[in-house]
Structure formats: C-alpha cells, structure tokens
Amino acid sequence: MSAKKGVILLAIGATIFFSTALAHLSCIYFGPQCYSSQMAPPEIIESAMKGTLLAPIGTILVSAIFMVLGLYALSGAGLLRKLPLSRFCIYLIAFVCIIRGVLPIQLYFRHPDKTSNIVLSIGITWLLVGLLCFFGYRTVNKQTVGHFDKNKEEAR
C-alpha cells in the first residue's frame, strides 16, 4: 500500500472523529432529545432537562477529546505538524477504537437480545475507525521509514 493510501485512511478517520465531535456539540443546541438519541447517560439527559451545566460542560469536554483524536490522525497522515508522542498516541487511539468496536460486536453474538442494531452499528464503525488509524499510520510510517533508509544508502 502506498503512503498516499495511508494518508487517505487517516484522513477518513480524522473526518469521523471531527464529525463525532460536531454531533456531540449539536446536543447543546438541540437539547435533551438529542442527548437521548445519542445515548447519553441518564445523568447528562437529566442535566440537559434541568438546564444545569453538567451536560454542556461534559459535552464540550467529550467533543474536545474527539477533536484531539482527529488532530492526531491528521498529524499521523503528515497533514499537520507532528504532535507530541504521535506514534504512541495514534497506536493507542487505534487500539482503544478497536476494543470499543469489538465489545458490542462480541456482545451481539453472545447475547443478541442485549444489543440493539444501533449499538452494533456504532461498534462496527469504531472498529473500522481503529483499523483505519492503525493501517493508515503503519502505511505512512513504513513508506517514510523506507524512504529515509534509501536516502541513507545513497549517501554512503
């Protein structure tokens, strides 16, 4: 796989992270029904109904996390400057997304009555995002390392 394909995989992952952040932020505007449809915890939905600060502050924090994940994906693709601990963070992001994706899938196969179709779909999405990040970064990194190795050999 070429480095260009790896960049595309990471850019798709970043787009999903940014879209998720935007979807979460939309709850602040649309209110309790939006929190409920996005399966927020009951405490957050209650906070939105009562107008307390827990829901909007929690939403902003969660959205900020997804934005950072998207920035790391773009950094790994070489579309942004390299962020601190990029290699470690991108592999950690990929690992967490893969685990987040596998958990509802295995629950669906073991106890289909305890898993809704939307939860299964979300699980599959996060599994794919994790794989996009893992293989995208590996491909970009492999091509870059190979390029530097060729330059070292030519310099000798």
C-alpha atoms as a PDB file:
ATOM      1  CA  MET A   1       0.000   0.000   0.000  1.00  0.00           C
ATOM      2  CA  SER A   2       1.340   3.426  -0.866  1.00  0.00           C
ATOM      3  CA  ALA A   3       1.815   6.269   1.589  1.00  0.00           C
ATOM      4  CA  LYS A   4      -0.921   8.174  -0.256  1.00  0.00           C
ATOM      5  CA  LYS A   5      -3.440   5.453   0.622  1.00  0.00           C
ATOM      6  CA  GLY A   6      -2.314   5.602   4.253  1.00  0.00           C
ATOM      7  CA  VAL A   7      -2.896   9.357   4.259  1.00  0.00           C
ATOM      8  CA  ILE A   8      -6.394   8.787   2.879  1.00  0.00           C
ATOM      9  CA  LEU A   9      -7.166   6.198   5.571  1.00  0.00           C
ATOM     10  CA  LEU A  10      -6.030   8.561   8.328  1.00  0.00           C
ATOM     11  CA  ALA A  11      -7.932  11.485   6.781  1.00  0.00           C
ATOM     12  CA  ILE A  12     -11.128   9.388   6.760  1.00  0.00           C
ATOM     13  CA  GLY A  13     -10.523   8.506  10.415  1.00  0.00           C
ATOM     14  CA  ALA A  14      -9.963  12.184  11.245  1.00  0.00           C
ATOM     15  CA  THR A  15     -13.183  13.113   9.441  1.00  0.00           C
ATOM     16  CA  ILE A  16     -15.109  10.616  11.545  1.00  0.00           C
ATOM     17  CA  PHE A  17     -13.519  11.976  14.748  1.00  0.00           C
ATOM     18  CA  PHE A  18     -14.386  15.575  13.793  1.00  0.00           C
ATOM     19  CA  SER A  19     -17.921  14.577  12.759  1.00  0.00           C
ATOM     20  CA  THR A  20     -18.402  12.826  16.092  1.00  0.00           C
ATOM     21  CA  ALA A  21     -17.253  15.944  17.933  1.00  0.00           C
ATOM     22  CA  LEU A  22     -19.686  18.067  15.930  1.00  0.00           C
ATOM     23  CA  ALA A  23     -22.538  15.605  16.556  1.00  0.00           C
ATOM     24  CA  HIS A  24     -21.877  15.760  20.290  1.00  0.00           C
ATOM     25  CA  LEU A  25     -21.753  19.563  20.242  1.00  0.00           C
ATOM     26  CA  SER A  26     -25.095  19.666  18.427  1.00  0.00           C
ATOM     27  CA  CYS A  27     -26.705  18.315  21.606  1.00  0.00           C
ATOM     28  CA  ILE A  28     -26.048  21.612  23.361  1.00  0.00           C
ATOM     29  CA  TYR A  29     -28.177  23.363  20.742  1.00  0.00           C
ATOM     30  CA  PHE A  30     -30.854  20.706  20.214  1.00  0.00           C
ATOM     31  CA  GLY A  31     -31.324  19.795  23.869  1.00  0.00           C
ATOM     32  CA  PRO A  32     -32.390  16.714  25.832  1.00  0.00           C
ATOM     33  CA  GLN A  33     -33.871  14.834  22.858  1.00  0.00           C
ATOM     34  CA  CYS A  34     -30.511  14.996  21.084  1.00  0.00           C
ATOM     35  CA  TYR A  35     -28.675  13.736  24.164  1.00  0.00           C
ATOM     36  CA  SER A  36     -31.197  10.916  24.421  1.00  0.00           C
ATOM     37  CA  SER A  37     -30.921   9.937  20.763  1.00  0.00           C
ATOM     38  CA  GLN A  38     -27.129   9.854  21.090  1.00  0.00           C
ATOM     39  CA  MET A  39     -27.496   7.512  24.080  1.00  0.00           C
ATOM     40  CA  ALA A  40     -26.020   9.877  26.653  1.00  0.00           C
ATOM     41  CA  PRO A  41     -26.048   8.675  30.262  1.00  0.00           C
ATOM     42  CA  PRO A  42     -29.258   9.434  32.182  1.00  0.00           C
ATOM     43  CA  GLU A  43     -27.449  11.996  34.372  1.00  0.00           C
ATOM     44  CA  ILE A  44     -26.500  14.012  31.287  1.00  0.00           C
ATOM     45  CA  ILE A  45     -30.024  13.891  29.864  1.00  0.00           C
ATOM     46  CA  GLU A  46     -31.419  14.986  33.231  1.00  0.00           C
ATOM     47  CA  SER A  47     -28.895  17.823  33.374  1.00  0.00           C
ATOM     48  CA  ALA A  48     -29.985  18.986  29.920  1.00  0.00           C
ATOM     49  CA  MET A  49     -33.641  18.917  31.016  1.00  0.00           C
ATOM     50  CA  LYS A  50     -32.919  20.892  34.178  1.00  0.00           C
ATOM     51  CA  GLY A  51     -30.580  23.326  32.439  1.00  0.00           C
ATOM     52  CA  THR A  52     -27.608  22.615  34.714  1.00  0.00           C
ATOM     53  CA  LEU A  53     -24.012  22.894  33.493  1.00  0.00           C
ATOM     54  CA  LEU A  54     -23.118  19.190  33.637  1.00  0.00           C
ATOM     55  CA  ALA A  55     -24.497  18.417  30.167  1.00  0.00           C
ATOM     56  CA  PRO A  56     -22.890  21.281  28.216  1.00  0.00           C
ATOM     57  CA  ILE A  57     -19.540  21.109  30.021  1.00  0.00           C
ATOM     58  CA  GLY A  58     -19.389  17.334  29.676  1.00  0.00           C
ATOM     59  CA  THR A  59     -20.326  17.635  26.008  1.00  0.00           C
ATOM     60  CA  ILE A  60     -17.617  20.212  25.364  1.00  0.00           C
ATOM     61  CA  LEU A  61     -15.010  18.027  27.091  1.00  0.00           C
ATOM     62  CA  VAL A  62     -16.016  14.903  25.146  1.00  0.00           C
ATOM     63  CA  SER A  63     -16.058  16.878  21.887  1.00  0.00           C
ATOM     64  CA  ALA A  64     -12.609  18.294  22.663  1.00  0.00           C
ATOM     65  CA  ILE A  65     -11.302  14.751  23.100  1.00  0.00           C
ATOM     66  CA  PHE A  66     -12.671  13.741  19.690  1.00  0.00           C
ATOM     67  CA  MET A  67     -11.108  16.876  18.158  1.00  0.00           C
ATOM     68  CA  VAL A  68      -7.716  15.941  19.612  1.00  0.00           C
ATOM     69  CA  LEU A  69      -8.089  12.422  18.221  1.00  0.00           C
ATOM     70  CA  GLY A  70      -8.803  13.910  14.796  1.00  0.00           C
ATOM     71  CA  LEU A  71      -5.765  16.172  15.065  1.00  0.00           C
ATOM     72  CA  TYR A  72      -3.562  13.188  15.890  1.00  0.00           C
ATOM     73  CA  ALA A  73      -4.918  11.325  12.860  1.00  0.00           C
ATOM     74  CA  LEU A  74      -4.122  14.312  10.624  1.00  0.00           C
ATOM     75  CA  SER A  75      -0.702  14.621  12.227  1.00  0.00           C
ATOM     76  CA  GLY A  76      -0.016  10.943  11.595  1.00  0.00           C
ATOM     77  CA  ALA A  77      -1.010  11.470   7.970  1.00  0.00           C
ATOM     78  CA  GLY A  78       1.528  14.274   7.691  1.00  0.00           C
ATOM     79  CA  LEU A  79      -1.192  16.845   7.012  1.00  0.00           C
ATOM     80  CA  LEU A  80      -0.361  18.708  10.244  1.00  0.00           C
ATOM     81  CA  ARG A  81       2.917  19.149  12.055  1.00  0.00           C
ATOM     82  CA  LYS A  82       3.961  16.208  14.190  1.00  0.00           C
ATOM     83  CA  LEU A  83       2.239  16.283  17.577  1.00  0.00           C
ATOM     84  CA  PRO A  84       3.928  15.093  20.789  1.00  0.00           C
ATOM     85  CA  LEU A  85       4.055  11.315  21.210  1.00  0.00           C
ATOM     86  CA  SER A  86       2.408  10.857  17.799  1.00  0.00           C
ATOM     87  CA  ARG A  87       3.407   7.251  17.264  1.00  0.00           C
ATOM     88  CA  PHE A  88       2.336   6.148  20.746  1.00  0.00           C
ATOM     89  CA  CYS A  89      -0.905   8.166  20.666  1.00  0.00           C
ATOM     90  CA  ILE A  90      -2.016   7.014  17.232  1.00  0.00           C
ATOM     91  CA  TYR A  91      -1.445   3.368  18.087  1.00  0.00           C
ATOM     92  CA  LEU A  92      -3.231   3.893  21.428  1.00  0.00           C
ATOM     93  CA  ILE A  93      -6.149   5.594  19.643  1.00  0.00           C
ATOM     94  CA  ALA A  94      -6.335   2.703  17.174  1.00  0.00           C
ATOM     95  CA  PHE A  95      -6.217   0.138  19.997  1.00  0.00           C
ATOM     96  CA  VAL A  96      -8.953   1.859  22.023  1.00  0.00           C
ATOM     97  CA  CYS A  97     -11.188   2.246  18.948  1.00  0.00           C
ATOM     98  CA  ILE A  98     -10.717  -1.410  18.024  1.00  0.00           C
ATOM     99  CA  ILE A  99     -11.573  -2.528  21.560  1.00  0.00           C
ATOM    100  CA  ARG A 100     -14.540  -0.109  21.602  1.00  0.00           C
ATOM    101  CA  GLY A 101     -15.698  -1.692  18.363  1.00  0.00           C
ATOM    102  CA  VAL A 102     -15.166  -5.325  19.311  1.00  0.00           C
ATOM    103  CA  LEU A 103     -17.030  -5.150  22.637  1.00  0.00           C
ATOM    104  CA  PRO A 104     -20.548  -4.581  21.257  1.00  0.00           C
ATOM    105  CA  ILE A 105     -19.904  -6.997  18.383  1.00  0.00           C
ATOM    106  CA  GLN A 106     -18.970  -9.850  20.701  1.00  0.00           C
ATOM    107  CA  LEU A 107     -21.902  -8.972  22.964  1.00  0.00           C
ATOM    108  CA  TYR A 108     -24.201  -9.141  19.937  1.00  0.00           C
ATOM    109  CA  PHE A 109     -23.019 -12.658  19.087  1.00  0.00           C
ATOM    110  CA  ARG A 110     -23.191 -13.875  22.691  1.00  0.00           C
ATOM    111  CA  HIS A 111     -26.398 -12.074  23.777  1.00  0.00           C
ATOM    112  CA  PRO A 112     -28.226 -10.607  20.769  1.00  0.00           C
ATOM    113  CA  ASP A 113     -31.191  -9.695  22.972  1.00  0.00           C
ATOM    114  CA  LYS A 114     -28.998  -7.258  24.957  1.00  0.00           C
ATOM    115  CA  THR A 115     -27.684  -5.356  21.938  1.00  0.00           C
ATOM    116  CA  SER A 116     -29.644  -3.064  19.640  1.00  0.00           C
ATOM    117  CA  ASN A 117     -28.866  -2.606  15.964  1.00  0.00           C
ATOM    118  CA  ILE A 118     -27.681   0.957  16.589  1.00  0.00           C
ATOM    119  CA  VAL A 119     -25.212  -0.189  19.244  1.00  0.00           C
ATOM    120  CA  LEU A 120     -23.940  -2.861  16.861  1.00  0.00           C
ATOM    121  CA  SER A 121     -23.588  -0.273  14.066  1.00  0.00           C
ATOM    122  CA  ILE A 122     -21.664   2.071  16.342  1.00  0.00           C
ATOM    123  CA  GLY A 123     -19.395  -0.791  17.363  1.00  0.00           C
ATOM    124  CA  ILE A 124     -18.664  -1.674  13.750  1.00  0.00           C
ATOM    125  CA  THR A 125     -17.965   1.989  12.980  1.00  0.00           C
ATOM    126  CA  TRP A 126     -15.426   2.333  15.807  1.00  0.00           C
ATOM    127  CA  LEU A 127     -13.793  -0.957  14.843  1.00  0.00           C
ATOM    128  CA  LEU A 128     -13.355   0.392  11.311  1.00  0.00           C
ATOM    129  CA  VAL A 129     -12.012   3.722  12.603  1.00  0.00           C
ATOM    130  CA  GLY A 130      -9.462   1.865  14.716  1.00  0.00           C
ATOM    131  CA  LEU A 131      -8.385  -0.202  11.725  1.00  0.00           C
ATOM    132  CA  LEU A 132      -8.190   2.926   9.548  1.00  0.00           C
ATOM    133  CA  CYS A 133      -5.901   4.598  12.088  1.00  0.00           C
ATOM    134  CA  PHE A 134      -3.737   1.525  12.614  1.00  0.00           C
ATOM    135  CA  PHE A 135      -3.213   0.574   8.983  1.00  0.00           C
ATOM    136  CA  GLY A 136      -3.134   4.176   7.774  1.00  0.00           C
ATOM    137  CA  TYR A 137      -0.399   5.168  10.203  1.00  0.00           C
ATOM    138  CA  ARG A 138       1.534   1.958   9.623  1.00  0.00           C
ATOM    139  CA  THR A 139       1.448   2.524   5.889  1.00  0.00           C
ATOM    140  CA  VAL A 140       2.501   6.172   6.100  1.00  0.00           C
ATOM    141  CA  ASN A 141       5.204   5.357   8.629  1.00  0.00           C
ATOM    142  CA  LYS A 142       6.510   2.365   6.649  1.00  0.00           C
ATOM    143  CA  GLN A 143       6.784   4.419   3.477  1.00  0.00           C
ATOM    144  CA  THR A 144       8.555   7.252   5.314  1.00  0.00           C
ATOM    145  CA  VAL A 145      10.996   4.905   7.065  1.00  0.00           C
ATOM    146  CA  GLY A 146      11.702   3.117   3.794  1.00  0.00           C
ATOM    147  CA  HIS A 147      12.312   6.473   2.089  1.00  0.00           C
ATOM    148  CA  PHE A 148      14.837   7.514   4.742  1.00  0.00           C
ATOM    149  CA  ASP A 149      16.604   4.140   4.559  1.00  0.00           C
ATOM    150  CA  LYS A 150      17.067   4.578   0.796  1.00  0.00           C
ATOM    151  CA  ASN A 151      18.489   8.061   1.353  1.00  0.00           C
ATOM    152  CA  LYS A 152      20.984   6.713   3.909  1.00  0.00           C
ATOM    153  CA  GLU A 153      22.131   4.019   1.475  1.00  0.00           C
ATOM    154  CA  GLU A 154      22.535   6.561  -1.334  1.00  0.00           C
ATOM    155  CA  ALA A 155      24.588   8.817   0.961  1.00  0.00           C
ATOM    156  CA  ARG A 156      27.091   6.010   1.613  1.00  0.00           C
END
